[in-house]
């Protein structure tokens, strides 16, 4: 489940001027915390009303990831030559992006409600793996982005759109 957060972090790292490890870890932690919380929320919802959530979760992920991916593609195609890359991404944008990549974890949480698992341990493992993967993704994305710039940003946007499309098509039964 951390692969989508890793892909997003690659794109985000490409758009940062020169991330320090502390900032990359902060971003990774945001992704990890959100990714740990969503299966717990899904688990709780699964106990109460799983069929209602399953009707729209894939659409939410598709829309959020499509918007963020489209924004990355637009910025790669039409760069603002005067703009300076930020030193780090804002917390609000990180949280929204993390939610978009964590919708599948919500669905996994719904499924876990019907299994005999320790949701707290599972959520902690998911969060830790995502924190690590996203932190590495930010740092690696910056290294790739500094060499390939707009191409790396465009690739990150395409990855987000592909992830959102995959989630949607899987839930609609096409994959």
N, C-alpha and C. Protein backbone atom coordinates (compact mmCIF):
# COMPACT_ATOMS: atom_id res chain seq x y z
N UNK A 1 0.81 -1.20 0.00
CA UNK A 1 0.00 0.00 0.00
C UNK A 1 0.85 1.26 0.00
N UNK A 2 2.11 1.16 0.32
CA UNK A 2 2.97 2.34 0.37
C UNK A 2 3.50 2.74 -1.00
N UNK A 3 3.28 1.92 -2.01
CA UNK A 3 3.83 2.21 -3.34
C UNK A 3 3.25 3.50 -3.91
N UNK A 4 1.97 3.75 -3.72
CA UNK A 4 1.39 4.98 -4.25
C UNK A 4 1.95 6.21 -3.53
N UNK A 5 2.15 6.12 -2.23
CA UNK A 5 2.75 7.23 -1.49
C UNK A 5 4.19 7.45 -1.95
N UNK A 6 4.90 6.38 -2.26
CA UNK A 6 6.27 6.49 -2.77
C UNK A 6 6.28 7.22 -4.12
N UNK A 7 5.36 6.85 -5.01
CA UNK A 7 5.29 7.48 -6.32
C UNK A 7 4.98 8.96 -6.20
N UNK A 8 4.06 9.30 -5.31
CA UNK A 8 3.71 10.70 -5.10
C UNK A 8 4.90 11.45 -4.51
N UNK A 9 5.59 10.84 -3.57
CA UNK A 9 6.74 11.48 -2.94
C UNK A 9 7.85 11.74 -3.96
N UNK A 10 8.02 10.85 -4.92
CA UNK A 10 8.99 11.09 -5.98
C UNK A 10 8.67 12.39 -6.72
N UNK A 11 7.39 12.55 -7.07
CA UNK A 11 6.96 13.77 -7.75
C UNK A 11 7.12 15.00 -6.89
N UNK A 12 6.78 14.88 -5.62
CA UNK A 12 6.91 16.02 -4.70
C UNK A 12 8.38 16.38 -4.50
N UNK A 13 9.24 15.38 -4.40
CA UNK A 13 10.66 15.64 -4.23
C UNK A 13 11.26 16.37 -5.42
N UNK A 14 10.74 16.06 -6.62
CA UNK A 14 11.22 16.73 -7.83
C UNK A 14 10.87 18.21 -7.82
N UNK A 15 9.82 18.57 -7.11
CA UNK A 15 9.38 19.96 -7.08
C UNK A 15 9.94 20.78 -5.94
N UNK A 16 10.82 20.20 -5.15
CA UNK A 16 11.39 20.91 -4.00
C UNK A 16 12.80 21.36 -4.35
N UNK A 17 13.14 22.56 -3.91
CA UNK A 17 14.43 23.16 -4.24
C UNK A 17 15.59 22.31 -3.74
N UNK A 18 15.69 22.12 -2.46
CA UNK A 18 16.78 21.32 -1.88
C UNK A 18 16.30 20.80 -0.53
N UNK A 19 15.60 19.65 -0.53
CA UNK A 19 15.04 19.18 0.73
C UNK A 19 16.11 18.70 1.71
N UNK A 20 15.92 19.06 2.94
CA UNK A 20 16.75 18.51 4.00
C UNK A 20 16.08 17.22 4.44
N UNK A 21 16.86 16.34 5.03
CA UNK A 21 16.29 15.07 5.48
C UNK A 21 15.15 15.32 6.45
N UNK A 22 15.29 16.32 7.31
CA UNK A 22 14.25 16.65 8.29
C UNK A 22 12.93 16.95 7.59
N UNK A 23 12.98 17.72 6.50
CA UNK A 23 11.76 18.07 5.77
C UNK A 23 11.20 16.86 5.03
N UNK A 24 12.08 16.04 4.47
CA UNK A 24 11.63 14.83 3.79
C UNK A 24 10.97 13.89 4.80
N UNK A 25 11.55 13.78 5.99
CA UNK A 25 10.96 12.93 7.03
C UNK A 25 9.62 13.48 7.48
N UNK A 26 9.51 14.81 7.60
CA UNK A 26 8.23 15.44 7.96
C UNK A 26 7.15 15.08 6.94
N UNK A 27 7.50 15.17 5.66
CA UNK A 27 6.55 14.79 4.61
C UNK A 27 6.21 13.31 4.70
N UNK A 28 7.23 12.48 4.89
CA UNK A 28 7.01 11.05 5.03
C UNK A 28 6.13 10.73 6.22
N UNK A 29 6.32 11.46 7.30
CA UNK A 29 5.52 11.24 8.50
C UNK A 29 4.05 11.60 8.26
N UNK A 30 3.81 12.68 7.53
CA UNK A 30 2.43 13.05 7.20
C UNK A 30 1.77 11.93 6.42
N UNK A 31 2.47 11.43 5.38
CA UNK A 31 1.92 10.33 4.60
C UNK A 31 1.72 9.09 5.47
N UNK A 32 2.69 8.80 6.34
CA UNK A 32 2.60 7.61 7.19
C UNK A 32 1.47 7.68 8.19
N UNK A 33 1.28 8.84 8.82
CA UNK A 33 0.21 8.98 9.81
C UNK A 33 -1.16 8.84 9.13
N UNK A 34 -1.32 9.52 7.99
CA UNK A 34 -2.60 9.42 7.28
C UNK A 34 -2.84 7.99 6.83
N UNK A 35 -1.78 7.35 6.32
CA UNK A 35 -1.91 5.97 5.84
C UNK A 35 -2.18 5.00 6.99
N UNK A 36 -1.76 5.33 8.20
CA UNK A 36 -2.05 4.49 9.37
C UNK A 36 -3.46 4.72 9.89
N UNK A 37 -3.94 5.95 9.79
CA UNK A 37 -5.27 6.28 10.31
C UNK A 37 -6.37 5.72 9.41
N UNK A 38 -6.18 5.78 8.10
CA UNK A 38 -7.27 5.39 7.20
C UNK A 38 -7.70 3.93 7.31
N UNK A 39 -6.81 2.95 7.51
CA UNK A 39 -7.35 1.60 7.69
C UNK A 39 -8.13 1.45 9.00
N UNK A 40 -7.75 2.23 10.00
CA UNK A 40 -8.52 2.19 11.26
C UNK A 40 -9.91 2.76 11.02
N UNK A 41 -9.98 3.87 10.29
CA UNK A 41 -11.29 4.45 9.96
C UNK A 41 -12.11 3.47 9.12
N UNK A 42 -11.44 2.84 8.15
CA UNK A 42 -12.13 1.84 7.32
C UNK A 42 -12.59 0.65 8.14
N UNK A 43 -11.77 0.23 9.08
CA UNK A 43 -12.13 -0.88 9.96
C UNK A 43 -13.38 -0.54 10.77
N UNK A 44 -13.39 0.68 11.33
CA UNK A 44 -14.56 1.12 12.10
C UNK A 44 -15.79 1.19 11.19
N UNK A 45 -15.61 1.74 10.02
CA UNK A 45 -16.72 1.84 9.08
C UNK A 45 -17.17 0.46 8.62
N UNK A 46 -16.20 -0.44 8.45
CA UNK A 46 -16.52 -1.80 8.02
C UNK A 46 -17.39 -2.51 9.03
N UNK A 47 -17.17 -2.20 10.29
CA UNK A 47 -18.02 -2.78 11.33
C UNK A 47 -19.44 -2.23 11.24
N UNK A 48 -19.56 -1.00 10.74
CA UNK A 48 -20.87 -0.35 10.72
C UNK A 48 -21.56 -0.40 9.36
N UNK A 49 -20.86 0.02 8.30
CA UNK A 49 -21.55 0.20 7.02
C UNK A 49 -20.63 0.05 5.83
N UNK A 50 -20.05 -1.10 5.65
CA UNK A 50 -19.05 -1.27 4.60
C UNK A 50 -19.59 -1.06 3.20
N UNK A 51 -20.78 -1.48 2.93
CA UNK A 51 -21.28 -1.39 1.55
C UNK A 51 -21.52 0.04 1.11
N UNK A 52 -21.79 0.95 2.06
CA UNK A 52 -22.02 2.34 1.68
C UNK A 52 -20.72 3.05 1.33
N UNK A 53 -19.64 2.76 2.06
CA UNK A 53 -18.34 3.37 1.80
C UNK A 53 -17.77 2.85 0.48
N UNK A 54 -17.91 1.59 0.24
CA UNK A 54 -17.36 0.98 -0.96
C UNK A 54 -17.99 1.55 -2.23
N UNK A 55 -19.14 2.19 -2.11
CA UNK A 55 -19.81 2.75 -3.28
C UNK A 55 -19.13 4.00 -3.82
N UNK A 56 -18.36 4.71 -2.99
CA UNK A 56 -17.80 5.97 -3.47
C UNK A 56 -16.32 6.19 -3.17
N UNK A 57 -15.67 5.35 -2.39
CA UNK A 57 -14.27 5.61 -2.03
C UNK A 57 -13.35 5.70 -3.23
N UNK A 58 -13.58 4.88 -4.23
CA UNK A 58 -12.73 4.88 -5.42
C UNK A 58 -12.88 6.17 -6.22
N UNK A 59 -14.06 6.75 -6.21
CA UNK A 59 -14.27 8.02 -6.91
C UNK A 59 -13.52 9.16 -6.21
N UNK A 60 -13.52 9.14 -4.90
CA UNK A 60 -12.80 10.17 -4.14
C UNK A 60 -11.30 10.10 -4.45
N UNK A 61 -10.74 8.90 -4.42
CA UNK A 61 -9.31 8.72 -4.72
C UNK A 61 -9.01 9.16 -6.15
N UNK A 62 -9.84 8.78 -7.09
CA UNK A 62 -9.65 9.14 -8.49
C UNK A 62 -9.65 10.66 -8.68
N UNK A 63 -10.59 11.34 -8.07
CA UNK A 63 -10.70 12.79 -8.23
C UNK A 63 -9.52 13.51 -7.59
N UNK A 64 -9.19 13.16 -6.35
CA UNK A 64 -8.08 13.84 -5.66
C UNK A 64 -6.77 13.61 -6.40
N UNK A 65 -6.47 12.36 -6.74
CA UNK A 65 -5.21 12.07 -7.42
C UNK A 65 -5.18 12.67 -8.83
N UNK A 66 -6.33 12.71 -9.48
CA UNK A 66 -6.41 13.33 -10.80
C UNK A 66 -6.13 14.82 -10.76
N UNK A 67 -6.67 15.50 -9.76
CA UNK A 67 -6.44 16.94 -9.62
C UNK A 67 -4.97 17.24 -9.32
N UNK A 68 -4.40 16.53 -8.34
CA UNK A 68 -3.00 16.76 -7.98
C UNK A 68 -2.08 16.38 -9.15
N UNK A 69 -2.36 15.26 -9.81
CA UNK A 69 -1.56 14.84 -10.96
C UNK A 69 -1.67 15.82 -12.12
N UNK A 70 -2.89 16.31 -12.36
CA UNK A 70 -3.09 17.31 -13.41
C UNK A 70 -2.34 18.59 -13.12
N UNK A 71 -2.31 18.98 -11.85
CA UNK A 71 -1.57 20.18 -11.46
C UNK A 71 -0.07 20.00 -11.74
N UNK A 72 0.46 18.83 -11.43
CA UNK A 72 1.87 18.55 -11.71
C UNK A 72 2.15 18.58 -13.22
N UNK A 73 1.24 18.00 -14.00
CA UNK A 73 1.42 18.01 -15.46
C UNK A 73 1.37 19.44 -16.00
N UNK A 74 0.44 20.23 -15.51
CA UNK A 74 0.32 21.62 -15.95
C UNK A 74 1.60 22.39 -15.63
N UNK A 75 2.10 22.22 -14.40
CA UNK A 75 3.31 22.93 -14.00
C UNK A 75 4.53 22.48 -14.80
N UNK A 76 4.56 21.21 -15.21
CA UNK A 76 5.66 20.73 -16.03
C UNK A 76 5.57 21.30 -17.45
N UNK A 77 4.35 21.41 -17.98
CA UNK A 77 4.16 21.92 -19.34
C UNK A 77 4.31 23.43 -19.42
N UNK A 78 3.86 24.11 -18.38
CA UNK A 78 3.89 25.58 -18.37
C UNK A 78 4.61 26.08 -17.12
N UNK A 79 5.92 25.88 -17.08
CA UNK A 79 6.66 26.28 -15.87
C UNK A 79 6.69 27.80 -15.72
N UNK A 80 6.62 28.23 -14.51
CA UNK A 80 6.78 29.65 -14.20
C UNK A 80 8.26 29.88 -14.01
N UNK A 81 8.89 30.46 -15.02
CA UNK A 81 10.34 30.63 -15.01
C UNK A 81 10.82 31.50 -13.85
N UNK A 82 9.96 32.40 -13.37
CA UNK A 82 10.33 33.29 -12.28
C UNK A 82 10.11 32.67 -10.91
N UNK A 83 9.33 31.59 -10.88
CA UNK A 83 9.00 30.97 -9.60
C UNK A 83 10.22 30.24 -9.04
N UNK A 84 10.35 30.33 -7.75
CA UNK A 84 11.42 29.62 -7.05
C UNK A 84 10.79 28.37 -6.44
N UNK A 85 11.46 27.24 -6.60
CA UNK A 85 10.93 26.02 -5.99
C UNK A 85 10.88 26.19 -4.48
N UNK A 86 9.82 25.68 -3.86
CA UNK A 86 9.75 25.80 -2.40
C UNK A 86 10.80 24.92 -1.73
N UNK A 87 11.17 25.32 -0.52
CA UNK A 87 12.10 24.48 0.24
C UNK A 87 11.41 23.24 0.77
N UNK A 88 10.11 23.36 0.98
CA UNK A 88 9.30 22.22 1.40
C UNK A 88 7.85 22.51 1.02
N UNK A 89 7.05 21.46 1.00
CA UNK A 89 5.64 21.60 0.65
C UNK A 89 4.84 21.98 1.89
N UNK A 90 3.75 22.71 1.67
CA UNK A 90 2.89 23.11 2.77
C UNK A 90 2.17 21.92 3.37
N UNK A 91 1.85 22.03 4.64
CA UNK A 91 1.20 20.93 5.36
C UNK A 91 -0.17 20.60 4.77
N UNK A 92 -0.93 21.62 4.40
CA UNK A 92 -2.27 21.38 3.84
C UNK A 92 -2.22 20.55 2.57
N UNK A 93 -1.32 20.91 1.65
CA UNK A 93 -1.19 20.16 0.41
C UNK A 93 -0.71 18.74 0.68
N UNK A 94 0.19 18.58 1.63
CA UNK A 94 0.66 17.23 1.98
C UNK A 94 -0.48 16.36 2.51
N UNK A 95 -1.31 16.94 3.37
CA UNK A 95 -2.41 16.17 3.95
C UNK A 95 -3.42 15.78 2.88
N UNK A 96 -3.77 16.72 2.00
CA UNK A 96 -4.72 16.40 0.93
C UNK A 96 -4.17 15.31 0.02
N UNK A 97 -2.91 15.42 -0.34
CA UNK A 97 -2.29 14.40 -1.20
C UNK A 97 -2.22 13.06 -0.48
N UNK A 98 -1.88 13.09 0.80
CA UNK A 98 -1.81 11.85 1.58
C UNK A 98 -3.18 11.19 1.67
N UNK A 99 -4.22 11.98 1.82
CA UNK A 99 -5.57 11.41 1.86
C UNK A 99 -5.89 10.75 0.53
N UNK A 100 -5.54 11.42 -0.56
CA UNK A 100 -5.79 10.85 -1.89
C UNK A 100 -5.11 9.51 -2.09
N UNK A 101 -3.89 9.38 -1.58
CA UNK A 101 -3.17 8.12 -1.76
C UNK A 101 -3.58 7.07 -0.73
N UNK A 102 -4.34 7.47 0.29
CA UNK A 102 -4.70 6.55 1.37
C UNK A 102 -6.11 6.00 1.28
N UNK A 103 -6.84 6.39 0.24
CA UNK A 103 -8.22 5.90 0.11
C UNK A 103 -8.23 4.38 -0.01
N UNK A 104 -7.25 3.81 -0.69
CA UNK A 104 -7.21 2.35 -0.80
C UNK A 104 -6.99 1.70 0.57
N UNK A 105 -6.25 2.39 1.46
CA UNK A 105 -6.06 1.87 2.81
C UNK A 105 -7.38 1.86 3.58
N UNK A 106 -8.25 2.81 3.28
CA UNK A 106 -9.58 2.84 3.88
C UNK A 106 -10.35 1.58 3.48
N UNK A 107 -10.28 1.25 2.19
CA UNK A 107 -10.95 0.04 1.71
C UNK A 107 -10.35 -1.22 2.32
N UNK A 108 -9.02 -1.23 2.49
CA UNK A 108 -8.37 -2.37 3.14
C UNK A 108 -8.86 -2.49 4.58
N UNK A 109 -9.01 -1.36 5.25
CA UNK A 109 -9.51 -1.36 6.62
C UNK A 109 -10.91 -1.94 6.72
N UNK A 110 -11.75 -1.63 5.73
CA UNK A 110 -13.10 -2.21 5.70
C UNK A 110 -12.99 -3.73 5.62
N UNK A 111 -12.11 -4.20 4.75
CA UNK A 111 -11.91 -5.65 4.60
C UNK A 111 -11.38 -6.27 5.89
N UNK A 112 -10.46 -5.56 6.55
CA UNK A 112 -9.88 -6.10 7.79
C UNK A 112 -10.91 -6.25 8.90
N UNK A 113 -12.00 -5.50 8.80
CA UNK A 113 -13.06 -5.62 9.82
C UNK A 113 -13.68 -7.01 9.82
N UNK A 114 -13.58 -7.70 8.69
CA UNK A 114 -14.19 -9.02 8.60
C UNK A 114 -13.19 -10.15 8.86
N UNK A 115 -11.95 -9.77 9.16
CA UNK A 115 -10.92 -10.76 9.45
C UNK A 115 -10.50 -10.66 10.91
N UNK A 116 -9.85 -11.67 11.38
CA UNK A 116 -9.39 -11.68 12.76
C UNK A 116 -7.95 -11.16 12.80
N UNK A 117 -7.80 -9.81 12.76
CA UNK A 117 -6.48 -9.19 12.79
C UNK A 117 -6.44 -8.12 13.88
N UNK A 118 -5.24 -7.83 14.32
CA UNK A 118 -5.03 -6.74 15.25
C UNK A 118 -4.90 -5.46 14.42
N UNK A 119 -5.96 -4.66 14.36
CA UNK A 119 -5.98 -3.47 13.50
C UNK A 119 -4.92 -2.46 13.92
N UNK A 120 -4.64 -2.37 15.21
CA UNK A 120 -3.67 -1.38 15.70
C UNK A 120 -2.26 -1.72 15.24
N UNK A 121 -1.90 -2.97 15.35
CA UNK A 121 -0.57 -3.41 14.90
C UNK A 121 -0.45 -3.30 13.37
N UNK A 122 -1.50 -3.69 12.69
CA UNK A 122 -1.51 -3.60 11.22
C UNK A 122 -1.38 -2.16 10.77
N UNK A 123 -2.14 -1.26 11.38
CA UNK A 123 -2.10 0.16 11.02
C UNK A 123 -0.73 0.76 11.32
N UNK A 124 -0.14 0.37 12.43
CA UNK A 124 1.20 0.88 12.78
C UNK A 124 2.23 0.42 11.76
N UNK A 125 2.15 -0.83 11.33
CA UNK A 125 3.08 -1.35 10.33
C UNK A 125 2.90 -0.62 8.99
N UNK A 126 1.66 -0.40 8.60
CA UNK A 126 1.37 0.33 7.36
C UNK A 126 1.92 1.75 7.45
N UNK A 127 1.70 2.41 8.57
CA UNK A 127 2.18 3.78 8.75
C UNK A 127 3.69 3.87 8.74
N UNK A 128 4.35 2.93 9.40
CA UNK A 128 5.82 2.94 9.44
C UNK A 128 6.41 2.70 8.04
N UNK A 129 5.86 1.73 7.33
CA UNK A 129 6.35 1.45 5.97
C UNK A 129 6.14 2.65 5.06
N UNK A 130 4.99 3.29 5.18
CA UNK A 130 4.70 4.45 4.34
C UNK A 130 5.60 5.62 4.68
N UNK A 131 5.84 5.85 5.96
CA UNK A 131 6.75 6.93 6.37
C UNK A 131 8.12 6.72 5.74
N UNK A 132 8.64 5.52 5.82
CA UNK A 132 9.95 5.21 5.25
C UNK A 132 9.95 5.38 3.74
N UNK A 133 8.96 4.83 3.08
CA UNK A 133 8.90 4.89 1.61
C UNK A 133 8.74 6.33 1.11
N UNK A 134 7.90 7.11 1.77
CA UNK A 134 7.67 8.49 1.33
C UNK A 134 8.90 9.36 1.59
N UNK A 135 9.58 9.14 2.70
CA UNK A 135 10.80 9.89 3.00
C UNK A 135 11.86 9.61 1.95
N UNK A 136 12.06 8.35 1.64
CA UNK A 136 13.01 7.97 0.59
C UNK A 136 12.57 8.56 -0.75
N UNK A 137 11.27 8.52 -1.02
CA UNK A 137 10.74 9.06 -2.27
C UNK A 137 11.01 10.54 -2.44
N UNK A 138 10.87 11.32 -1.37
CA UNK A 138 11.15 12.76 -1.44
C UNK A 138 12.61 12.99 -1.79
N UNK A 139 13.51 12.32 -1.11
CA UNK A 139 14.94 12.52 -1.34
C UNK A 139 15.35 12.03 -2.74
N UNK A 140 14.86 10.88 -3.12
CA UNK A 140 15.18 10.33 -4.44
C UNK A 140 14.54 11.18 -5.53
N UNK A 141 13.32 11.65 -5.31
CA UNK A 141 12.64 12.51 -6.27
C UNK A 141 13.40 13.80 -6.52
N UNK A 142 13.97 14.35 -5.47
CA UNK A 142 14.77 15.56 -5.64
C UNK A 142 16.00 15.28 -6.49
N UNK A 143 16.66 14.16 -6.22
CA UNK A 143 17.86 13.81 -7.00
C UNK A 143 17.50 13.61 -8.47
N UNK A 144 16.40 12.94 -8.73
CA UNK A 144 15.96 12.73 -10.11
C UNK A 144 15.50 14.06 -10.71
N UNK A 145 14.75 14.82 -9.91
CA UNK A 145 14.21 16.09 -10.39
C UNK A 145 15.27 17.11 -10.73
N UNK A 146 16.36 17.11 -9.96
CA UNK A 146 17.41 18.08 -10.25
C UNK A 146 18.11 17.76 -11.57
N UNK A 147 18.07 16.50 -11.99
CA UNK A 147 18.67 16.12 -13.28
C UNK A 147 17.67 16.26 -14.42
N UNK A 148 16.43 15.87 -14.17
CA UNK A 148 15.46 15.78 -15.25
C UNK A 148 14.32 16.79 -15.13
N UNK A 149 14.29 17.56 -14.04
CA UNK A 149 13.37 18.68 -13.87
C UNK A 149 11.93 18.44 -14.27
N UNK A 150 11.52 19.12 -15.34
CA UNK A 150 10.11 19.08 -15.76
C UNK A 150 9.67 17.68 -16.15
N UNK A 151 10.58 16.88 -16.69
CA UNK A 151 10.21 15.52 -17.08
C UNK A 151 9.86 14.67 -15.85
N UNK A 152 10.61 14.85 -14.79
CA UNK A 152 10.33 14.12 -13.55
C UNK A 152 9.00 14.58 -12.95
N UNK A 153 8.74 15.88 -13.01
CA UNK A 153 7.47 16.41 -12.48
C UNK A 153 6.30 15.87 -13.30
N UNK A 154 6.46 15.84 -14.62
CA UNK A 154 5.41 15.30 -15.49
C UNK A 154 5.20 13.82 -15.22
N UNK A 155 6.29 13.08 -15.03
CA UNK A 155 6.17 11.65 -14.74
C UNK A 155 5.44 11.43 -13.41
N UNK A 156 5.73 12.28 -12.42
CA UNK A 156 5.02 12.20 -11.14
C UNK A 156 3.53 12.45 -11.32
N UNK A 157 3.18 13.43 -12.13
CA UNK A 157 1.77 13.71 -12.41
C UNK A 157 1.09 12.55 -13.10
N UNK A 158 1.78 11.97 -14.09
CA UNK A 158 1.22 10.81 -14.78
C UNK A 158 1.04 9.62 -13.85
N UNK A 159 2.00 9.43 -12.93
CA UNK A 159 1.89 8.34 -11.95
C UNK A 159 0.66 8.53 -11.07
N UNK A 160 0.44 9.75 -10.61
CA UNK A 160 -0.73 10.01 -9.77
C UNK A 160 -2.03 9.73 -10.51
N UNK A 161 -2.10 10.20 -11.75
CA UNK A 161 -3.30 9.96 -12.55
C UNK A 161 -3.48 8.47 -12.80
N UNK A 162 -2.38 7.77 -13.07
CA UNK A 162 -2.45 6.32 -13.30
C UNK A 162 -2.91 5.58 -12.04
N UNK A 163 -2.40 5.99 -10.89
CA UNK A 163 -2.81 5.34 -9.63
C UNK A 163 -4.29 5.57 -9.39
N UNK A 164 -4.75 6.81 -9.55
CA UNK A 164 -6.17 7.11 -9.37
C UNK A 164 -7.04 6.35 -10.35
N UNK A 165 -6.60 6.26 -11.61
CA UNK A 165 -7.35 5.52 -12.62
C UNK A 165 -7.39 4.03 -12.30
N UNK A 166 -6.26 3.50 -11.82
CA UNK A 166 -6.20 2.08 -11.46
C UNK A 166 -7.17 1.77 -10.31
N UNK A 167 -7.18 2.64 -9.31
CA UNK A 167 -8.11 2.45 -8.19
C UNK A 167 -9.54 2.45 -8.69
N UNK A 168 -9.88 3.43 -9.54
CA UNK A 168 -11.24 3.54 -10.05
C UNK A 168 -11.61 2.33 -10.91
N UNK A 169 -10.75 1.98 -11.86
CA UNK A 169 -11.05 0.86 -12.76
C UNK A 169 -11.12 -0.47 -12.02
N UNK A 170 -10.28 -0.63 -10.99
CA UNK A 170 -10.33 -1.87 -10.19
C UNK A 170 -11.66 -1.99 -9.46
N UNK A 171 -12.10 -0.90 -8.87
CA UNK A 171 -13.36 -0.93 -8.12
C UNK A 171 -14.57 -1.07 -9.03
N UNK A 172 -14.45 -0.58 -10.27
CA UNK A 172 -15.56 -0.71 -11.22
C UNK A 172 -15.56 -2.06 -11.91
N UNK A 173 -14.53 -2.89 -11.66
CA UNK A 173 -14.47 -4.24 -12.19
C UNK A 173 -13.83 -4.37 -13.55
N UNK A 174 -13.12 -3.34 -14.02
CA UNK A 174 -12.47 -3.41 -15.33
C UNK A 174 -11.06 -3.99 -15.25
N UNK A 175 -10.49 -4.06 -14.06
CA UNK A 175 -9.15 -4.63 -13.91
C UNK A 175 -9.19 -5.81 -12.96
